[in-house]
């Protein structure tokens, strides 16, 4: 392997692990630390006030939390990268919509790093993802 490819592969590895950690702990906090009901109590009043049906909020938080948690777990070893990144990307779109409805001028400090890392991993060639279970098991 040439030195340039080694650095590119290492950049993908670092980005993938960092993004996995960010999503894993975001999902973990929502599921096990603050709990779904705690997250719901923060966002539900404003979302309902803006016309979002209250019955949709708790299931959406539940699904989003599990996507983040499991997606983060799968990113760490690099397993099923392409579908995981696509699902996490859709989850980020949902989060952006929810935050924009709840607070039109919301702070992107937590959102943007996830978005930037996700986009980088989506556009990086698969051949750079050599330090992963996908590569080891020849999944892609």
Protein backbone atom coordinates (compact mmCIF):
# COMPACT_ATOMS: atom_id res chain seq x y z
CA UNK A 1 0.00 0.00 0.00
CA UNK A 2 1.40 3.40 -0.88
CA UNK A 3 1.83 6.17 1.67
CA UNK A 4 -0.92 8.38 0.22
CA UNK A 5 -3.51 5.61 0.44
CA UNK A 6 -2.40 4.84 3.99
CA UNK A 7 -3.12 8.45 5.04
CA UNK A 8 -6.47 8.46 3.26
CA UNK A 9 -7.41 5.16 4.90
CA UNK A 10 -6.30 6.50 8.28
CA UNK A 11 -8.39 9.67 7.72
CA UNK A 12 -11.45 7.52 7.03
CA UNK A 13 -10.74 5.39 10.10
CA UNK A 14 -10.40 8.42 12.38
CA UNK A 15 -13.50 10.09 10.93
CA UNK A 16 -15.54 6.92 11.18
CA UNK A 17 -14.55 6.28 14.80
CA UNK A 18 -15.16 9.90 15.81
CA UNK A 19 -18.57 9.96 14.13
CA UNK A 20 -19.41 6.60 15.69
CA UNK A 21 -18.51 7.88 19.16
CA UNK A 22 -20.56 11.06 18.67
CA UNK A 23 -23.67 9.18 17.54
CA UNK A 24 -23.24 6.36 20.04
CA UNK A 25 -23.10 8.67 23.04
CA UNK A 26 -25.84 10.95 21.71
CA UNK A 27 -28.13 7.94 21.41
CA UNK A 28 -26.92 6.50 24.72
CA UNK A 29 -27.69 9.73 26.57
CA UNK A 30 -31.18 9.92 25.08
CA UNK A 31 -31.94 6.26 25.79
CA UNK A 32 -30.28 5.60 29.14
CA UNK A 33 -29.24 8.85 30.81
CA UNK A 34 -31.92 11.47 30.12
CA UNK A 35 -34.42 8.85 28.94
CA UNK A 36 -36.91 9.32 26.12
CA UNK A 37 -39.36 11.03 28.46
CA UNK A 38 -36.72 13.58 29.50
CA UNK A 39 -35.94 14.47 25.89
CA UNK A 40 -39.65 14.60 25.10
CA UNK A 41 -40.31 17.01 27.97
CA UNK A 42 -37.74 19.44 26.54
CA UNK A 43 -39.01 19.51 22.94
CA UNK A 44 -42.68 18.50 23.04
CA UNK A 45 -44.21 21.77 24.32
CA UNK A 46 -42.66 23.87 21.55
CA UNK A 47 -43.29 21.31 18.80
CA UNK A 48 -46.95 20.93 19.81
CA UNK A 49 -47.29 24.71 19.98
CA UNK A 50 -46.02 24.88 16.40
CA UNK A 51 -48.55 22.31 15.16
CA UNK A 52 -46.71 18.98 15.36
CA UNK A 53 -49.06 16.26 16.64
CA UNK A 54 -48.04 15.24 20.14
CA UNK A 55 -48.52 11.56 19.33
CA UNK A 56 -45.65 11.68 16.81
CA UNK A 57 -43.06 13.16 19.11
CA UNK A 58 -42.27 10.31 21.52
CA UNK A 59 -42.06 7.61 18.80
CA UNK A 60 -39.86 9.90 16.71
CA UNK A 61 -37.48 10.49 19.61
CA UNK A 62 -37.43 6.76 20.36
CA UNK A 63 -36.62 5.78 16.77
CA UNK A 64 -34.06 8.57 16.36
CA UNK A 65 -32.32 7.60 19.61
CA UNK A 66 -31.99 3.95 18.61
CA UNK A 67 -30.77 4.91 15.12
CA UNK A 68 -28.05 7.08 16.68
CA UNK A 69 -27.07 4.47 19.27
CA UNK A 70 -26.97 1.46 16.94
CA UNK A 71 -25.52 3.49 14.06
CA UNK A 72 -22.71 4.64 16.33
CA UNK A 73 -22.02 1.06 17.41
CA UNK A 74 -21.86 -0.13 13.79
CA UNK A 75 -19.62 2.75 12.71
CA UNK A 76 -16.94 1.93 15.28
CA UNK A 77 -15.83 -1.33 13.60
CA UNK A 78 -17.02 -0.17 10.17
CA UNK A 79 -19.81 -2.67 9.64
CA UNK A 80 -22.50 -2.03 6.99
CA UNK A 81 -21.08 1.46 6.44
CA UNK A 82 -23.10 2.50 3.39
CA UNK A 83 -26.59 1.77 4.75
CA UNK A 84 -25.63 3.03 8.22
CA UNK A 85 -24.40 6.35 6.81
CA UNK A 86 -27.54 6.71 4.70
CA UNK A 87 -29.82 6.04 7.69
CA UNK A 88 -27.83 8.41 9.92
CA UNK A 89 -28.04 11.04 7.17
CA UNK A 90 -31.83 10.70 7.05
CA UNK A 91 -31.87 10.91 10.84
CA UNK A 92 -29.87 14.17 10.67
CA UNK A 93 -32.40 15.57 8.19
CA UNK A 94 -35.18 14.70 10.63
CA UNK A 95 -33.28 16.32 13.50
CA UNK A 96 -32.66 19.46 11.45
CA UNK A 97 -36.36 19.71 10.60
CA UNK A 98 -37.41 19.17 14.22
CA UNK A 99 -34.90 21.69 15.56
CA UNK A 100 -35.92 24.22 12.89
CA UNK A 101 -39.57 23.87 13.82
CA UNK A 102 -38.90 24.08 17.56
CA UNK A 103 -36.31 26.86 17.41
CA UNK A 104 -35.87 28.54 14.02
CA UNK A 105 -32.50 30.00 15.08
CA UNK A 106 -31.09 26.80 16.64
CA UNK A 107 -27.43 26.35 17.48
CA UNK A 108 -25.63 24.05 15.01
CA UNK A 109 -22.60 23.41 17.22
CA UNK A 110 -23.55 19.77 17.81
CA UNK A 111 -25.18 19.16 14.44
CA UNK A 112 -22.50 20.47 12.08
CA UNK A 113 -19.58 18.21 13.13
CA UNK A 114 -21.77 15.14 12.65
CA UNK A 115 -22.95 16.43 9.30
CA UNK A 116 -19.41 17.24 8.07
CA UNK A 117 -17.99 13.86 9.12
CA UNK A 118 -20.97 12.03 7.63
CA UNK A 119 -20.60 13.80 4.28
CA UNK A 120 -16.85 13.11 4.22
CA UNK A 121 -17.42 9.40 4.86
CA UNK A 122 -20.16 9.24 2.23
CA UNK A 123 -18.00 10.76 -0.50
CA UNK A 124 -14.72 9.05 0.42
CA UNK A 125 -14.03 6.15 -1.96
CA UNK A 126 -14.84 2.73 -0.56
CA UNK A 127 -11.24 1.72 -1.32
CA UNK A 128 -10.13 4.05 1.50
CA UNK A 129 -12.19 2.11 4.06
CA UNK A 130 -9.63 -0.66 4.48
CA UNK A 131 -9.57 -0.58 8.29
CA UNK A 132 -13.10 -1.89 8.71
CA UNK A 133 -15.13 -5.05 9.06
CA UNK A 134 -16.74 -4.25 5.72
CA UNK A 135 -13.32 -4.56 4.09
CA UNK A 136 -12.36 -7.62 6.13
CA UNK A 137 -15.56 -9.49 5.22
CA UNK A 138 -15.58 -8.09 1.67
CA UNK A 139 -19.08 -6.66 2.16
CA UNK A 140 -18.69 -3.91 -0.48
